[in-house]
Amino acid sequence: MTPTTETHGYSTNKDPLIKRLRRIEGQVRGIEGMVDSDRYCIDILTQISAVQAALDKVALGLLTDHAEHCVIGASEDDRPEKTQELMTAVARLMRRG
């Protein structure tokens, strides 16, 4: 029996996704530098807001990929479970803050 590799909805967008996450990582390091340099609070908060917005875009893209690949593409038997999984993830994202 040959092992099968499971694909995920984001598999086709993996390289741009990693690039975006690395850019966000750089923004977070920049915020750390701002705090270390005693920058003005509002400037730091503005950068935090930008990082949160960038992460929200990543999350929305992942949710879309999951819906298209894992929910719509699921077998009839698996679709209710995959739909519930998606809705749980949406609820978790909406509760932040």
C-alpha atoms as a PDB file:
ATOM      1  CA  MET A   1       0.000   0.000   0.000  1.00  0.00           C
ATOM      2  CA  THR A   2       1.397   3.411  -0.965  1.00  0.00           C
ATOM      3  CA  PRO A   3       1.024   6.229   1.533  1.00  0.00           C
ATOM      4  CA  THR A   4      -1.277   9.026   0.391  1.00  0.00           C
ATOM      5  CA  THR A   5      -0.491  12.622   1.097  1.00  0.00           C
ATOM      6  CA  GLU A   6      -3.453  14.649   2.150  1.00  0.00           C
ATOM      7  CA  THR A   7      -3.801  18.002   0.432  1.00  0.00           C
ATOM      8  CA  HIS A   8      -5.286  21.047   2.038  1.00  0.00           C
ATOM      9  CA  GLY A   9      -7.264  23.878   0.521  1.00  0.00           C
ATOM     10  CA  TYR A  10      -4.314  26.244   0.821  1.00  0.00           C
ATOM     11  CA  SER A  11      -1.871  23.865  -0.896  1.00  0.00           C
ATOM     12  CA  THR A  12      -2.090  25.682  -4.225  1.00  0.00           C
ATOM     13  CA  ASN A  13      -1.485  29.041  -2.495  1.00  0.00           C
ATOM     14  CA  LYS A  14       1.186  27.842  -0.069  1.00  0.00           C
ATOM     15  CA  ASP A  15       4.102  29.932  -1.370  1.00  0.00           C
ATOM     16  CA  PRO A  16       2.243  33.277  -1.306  1.00  0.00           C
ATOM     17  CA  LEU A  17       0.781  32.338   2.089  1.00  0.00           C
ATOM     18  CA  ILE A  18       4.226  31.695   3.551  1.00  0.00           C
ATOM     19  CA  LYS A  19       5.506  34.935   1.988  1.00  0.00           C
ATOM     20  CA  ARG A  20       2.646  36.883   3.594  1.00  0.00           C
ATOM     21  CA  LEU A  21       3.207  35.228   6.992  1.00  0.00           C
ATOM     22  CA  ARG A  22       6.907  36.088   6.857  1.00  0.00           C
ATOM     23  CA  ARG A  23       6.021  39.694   6.084  1.00  0.00           C
ATOM     24  CA  ILE A  24       3.702  39.697   9.118  1.00  0.00           C
ATOM     25  CA  GLU A  25       6.485  38.169  11.207  1.00  0.00           C
ATOM     26  CA  GLY A  26       8.707  41.064  10.147  1.00  0.00           C
ATOM     27  CA  GLN A  27       6.013  43.544  11.130  1.00  0.00           C
ATOM     28  CA  VAL A  28       5.785  41.952  14.595  1.00  0.00           C
ATOM     29  CA  ARG A  29       9.563  42.199  14.989  1.00  0.00           C
ATOM     30  CA  GLY A  30       9.242  45.842  13.954  1.00  0.00           C
ATOM     31  CA  ILE A  31       6.712  46.406  16.729  1.00  0.00           C
ATOM     32  CA  GLU A  32       9.100  44.825  19.200  1.00  0.00           C
ATOM     33  CA  GLY A  33      11.769  47.246  17.992  1.00  0.00           C
ATOM     34  CA  MET A  34       9.373  50.154  18.417  1.00  0.00           C
ATOM     35  CA  VAL A  35       8.706  49.176  22.026  1.00  0.00           C
ATOM     36  CA  ASP A  36      12.428  48.702  22.651  1.00  0.00           C
ATOM     37  CA  SER A  37      13.072  52.175  21.192  1.00  0.00           C
ATOM     38  CA  ASP A  38      10.363  53.750  23.369  1.00  0.00           C
ATOM     39  CA  ARG A  39       8.278  54.873  20.398  1.00  0.00           C
ATOM     40  CA  TYR A  40       4.999  56.737  20.876  1.00  0.00           C
ATOM     41  CA  CYS A  41       2.135  54.482  22.033  1.00  0.00           C
ATOM     42  CA  ILE A  42      -0.220  55.475  19.218  1.00  0.00           C
ATOM     43  CA  ASP A  43       2.393  54.624  16.598  1.00  0.00           C
ATOM     44  CA  ILE A  44       2.815  51.170  18.141  1.00  0.00           C
ATOM     45  CA  LEU A  45      -0.941  50.653  18.308  1.00  0.00           C
ATOM     46  CA  THR A  46      -1.236  51.639  14.642  1.00  0.00           C
ATOM     47  CA  GLN A  47       1.295  48.962  13.709  1.00  0.00           C
ATOM     48  CA  ILE A  48      -0.479  46.380  15.891  1.00  0.00           C
ATOM     49  CA  SER A  49      -3.704  47.193  14.059  1.00  0.00           C
ATOM     50  CA  ALA A  50      -1.963  46.669  10.719  1.00  0.00           C
ATOM     51  CA  VAL A  51      -0.659  43.245  11.842  1.00  0.00           C
ATOM     52  CA  GLN A  52      -4.118  42.236  13.056  1.00  0.00           C
ATOM     53  CA  ALA A  53      -5.634  43.247   9.718  1.00  0.00           C
ATOM     54  CA  ALA A  54      -2.975  41.275   7.850  1.00  0.00           C
ATOM     55  CA  LEU A  55      -3.624  38.190   9.994  1.00  0.00           C
ATOM     56  CA  ASP A  56      -7.370  38.594   9.433  1.00  0.00           C
ATOM     57  CA  LYS A  57      -6.751  38.522   5.663  1.00  0.00           C
ATOM     58  CA  VAL A  58      -4.718  35.337   6.033  1.00  0.00           C
ATOM     59  CA  ALA A  59      -7.444  33.781   8.171  1.00  0.00           C
ATOM     60  CA  LEU A  60     -10.160  34.745   5.700  1.00  0.00           C
ATOM     61  CA  GLY A  61      -8.179  33.235   2.851  1.00  0.00           C
ATOM     62  CA  LEU A  62      -7.684  30.009   4.802  1.00  0.00           C
ATOM     63  CA  LEU A  63     -11.395  29.875   5.644  1.00  0.00           C
ATOM     64  CA  THR A  64     -12.267  30.351   1.980  1.00  0.00           C
ATOM     65  CA  ASP A  65      -9.837  27.643   0.908  1.00  0.00           C
ATOM     66  CA  HIS A  66     -11.201  25.306   3.576  1.00  0.00           C
ATOM     67  CA  ALA A  67     -14.795  25.944   2.510  1.00  0.00           C
ATOM     68  CA  GLU A  68     -14.035  25.346  -1.154  1.00  0.00           C
ATOM     69  CA  HIS A  69     -11.712  22.378  -0.757  1.00  0.00           C
ATOM     70  CA  CYS A  70     -12.703  20.603   2.455  1.00  0.00           C
ATOM     71  CA  VAL A  71     -16.412  21.401   2.796  1.00  0.00           C
ATOM     72  CA  ILE A  72     -17.734  21.681  -0.750  1.00  0.00           C
ATOM     73  CA  GLY A  73     -15.304  19.002  -1.912  1.00  0.00           C
ATOM     74  CA  ALA A  74     -16.212  16.613   0.917  1.00  0.00           C
ATOM     75  CA  SER A  75     -18.242  13.485   0.389  1.00  0.00           C
ATOM     76  CA  GLU A  76     -21.930  13.670   1.325  1.00  0.00           C
ATOM     77  CA  ASP A  77     -21.184  11.685   4.493  1.00  0.00           C
ATOM     78  CA  ASP A  78     -18.349  13.986   5.602  1.00  0.00           C
ATOM     79  CA  ARG A  79     -19.923  17.315   4.642  1.00  0.00           C
ATOM     80  CA  PRO A  80     -21.893  17.932   7.893  1.00  0.00           C
ATOM     81  CA  GLU A  81     -18.781  17.329  10.009  1.00  0.00           C
ATOM     82  CA  LYS A  82     -16.630  19.544   7.765  1.00  0.00           C
ATOM     83  CA  THR A  83     -19.282  22.276   7.807  1.00  0.00           C
ATOM     84  CA  GLN A  84     -19.394  22.207  11.613  1.00  0.00           C
ATOM     85  CA  GLU A  85     -15.601  22.333  11.704  1.00  0.00           C
ATOM     86  CA  LEU A  86     -15.692  25.441   9.490  1.00  0.00           C
ATOM     87  CA  MET A  87     -18.337  27.147  11.611  1.00  0.00           C
ATOM     88  CA  THR A  88     -16.380  26.433  14.792  1.00  0.00           C
ATOM     89  CA  ALA A  89     -13.311  28.050  13.241  1.00  0.00           C
ATOM     90  CA  VAL A  90     -15.364  31.104  12.194  1.00  0.00           C
ATOM     91  CA  ALA A  91     -16.800  31.425  15.715  1.00  0.00           C
ATOM     92  CA  ARG A  92     -13.307  31.171  17.228  1.00  0.00           C
ATOM     93  CA  LEU A  93     -12.014  33.930  14.966  1.00  0.00           C
ATOM     94  CA  MET A  94     -14.970  36.184  15.734  1.00  0.00           C
ATOM     95  CA  ARG A  95     -14.459  35.893  19.517  1.00  0.00           C
ATOM     96  CA  ARG A  96     -10.955  37.303  19.524  1.00  0.00           C
ATOM     97  CA  GLY A  97     -10.365  40.480  21.445  1.00  0.00           C
END
